[in-house]
Amino acid sequence: MSKAAIRHSFWFVWRMPIALAVLTAFGLLAALLGTGIWHGTAWVALFIPIAVACWHALRPR
């Protein structure tokens, strides 16, 4: 497979958005269904996608 074909493959393009979506869903479910340590886990899981978005929005180009 050529380098251009690898860059346009499904997993190369969608792996990070899928990972962030799964992390967000986990954080929301942990916050809704869990108590105690799960609230802290939910906070961290929901903070990571926000941090990634801010990092990409504010980084110099």
Protein backbone atom coordinates (compact mmCIF):
# COMPACT_ATOMS: atom_id res chain seq x y z
CA MET A 1 0.00 0.00 0.00
CA SER A 2 1.39 3.40 -0.92
CA LYS A 3 1.97 6.16 1.62
CA ALA A 4 -0.86 8.24 0.14
CA ALA A 5 -3.26 5.30 0.42
CA ILE A 6 -2.32 4.80 4.07
CA ARG A 7 -3.04 8.47 4.85
CA HIS A 8 -6.50 8.15 3.35
CA SER A 9 -7.40 4.87 4.97
CA PHE A 10 -10.42 4.72 7.25
CA TRP A 11 -8.49 4.08 10.48
CA PHE A 12 -5.88 6.74 9.81
CA VAL A 13 -8.59 9.39 9.43
CA TRP A 14 -11.11 8.24 12.06
CA ARG A 15 -9.11 6.64 14.89
CA MET A 16 -8.79 9.76 17.05
CA PRO A 17 -12.40 11.01 16.59
CA ILE A 18 -13.68 7.52 17.44
CA ALA A 19 -11.42 7.32 20.50
CA LEU A 20 -12.59 10.73 21.71
CA ALA A 21 -16.24 9.77 21.15
CA VAL A 22 -15.82 6.54 23.13
CA LEU A 23 -14.05 8.44 25.91
CA THR A 24 -16.85 11.03 26.01
CA ALA A 25 -19.54 8.34 26.12
CA PHE A 26 -17.69 6.59 28.94
CA GLY A 27 -17.42 9.86 30.86
CA LEU A 28 -21.10 10.64 30.48
CA LEU A 29 -22.16 7.16 31.55
CA ALA A 30 -19.76 7.18 34.50
CA ALA A 31 -21.14 10.52 35.66
CA LEU A 32 -24.75 9.42 35.32
CA LEU A 33 -24.51 5.89 36.71
CA GLY A 34 -21.55 5.94 39.08
CA THR A 35 -20.87 7.35 42.52
CA GLY A 36 -17.72 8.09 44.44
CA ILE A 37 -14.58 7.51 42.39
CA TRP A 38 -16.63 7.31 39.19
CA HIS A 39 -17.36 11.04 39.37
CA GLY A 40 -13.64 11.80 39.32
CA THR A 41 -13.12 9.33 36.50
CA ALA A 42 -15.96 10.96 34.57
CA TRP A 43 -14.41 14.39 35.11
CA VAL A 44 -11.09 13.22 33.69
CA ALA A 45 -12.74 11.38 30.79
CA LEU A 46 -14.74 14.47 29.84
CA PHE A 47 -11.80 16.82 30.27
CA ILE A 48 -9.52 15.00 27.81
CA PRO A 49 -11.59 15.72 24.64
CA ILE A 50 -11.90 19.37 25.71
CA ALA A 51 -8.14 19.59 26.27
CA VAL A 52 -7.44 18.02 22.87
CA ALA A 53 -9.81 20.46 21.14
CA CYS A 54 -8.26 23.47 22.92
CA TRP A 55 -4.75 22.27 22.11
CA HIS A 56 -5.58 22.00 18.41
CA ALA A 57 -7.43 25.33 18.39
CA LEU A 58 -4.71 27.31 20.18
CA ARG A 59 -1.52 25.81 18.79
CA PRO A 60 0.54 28.05 16.52
CA ARG A 61 0.51 27.18 12.85
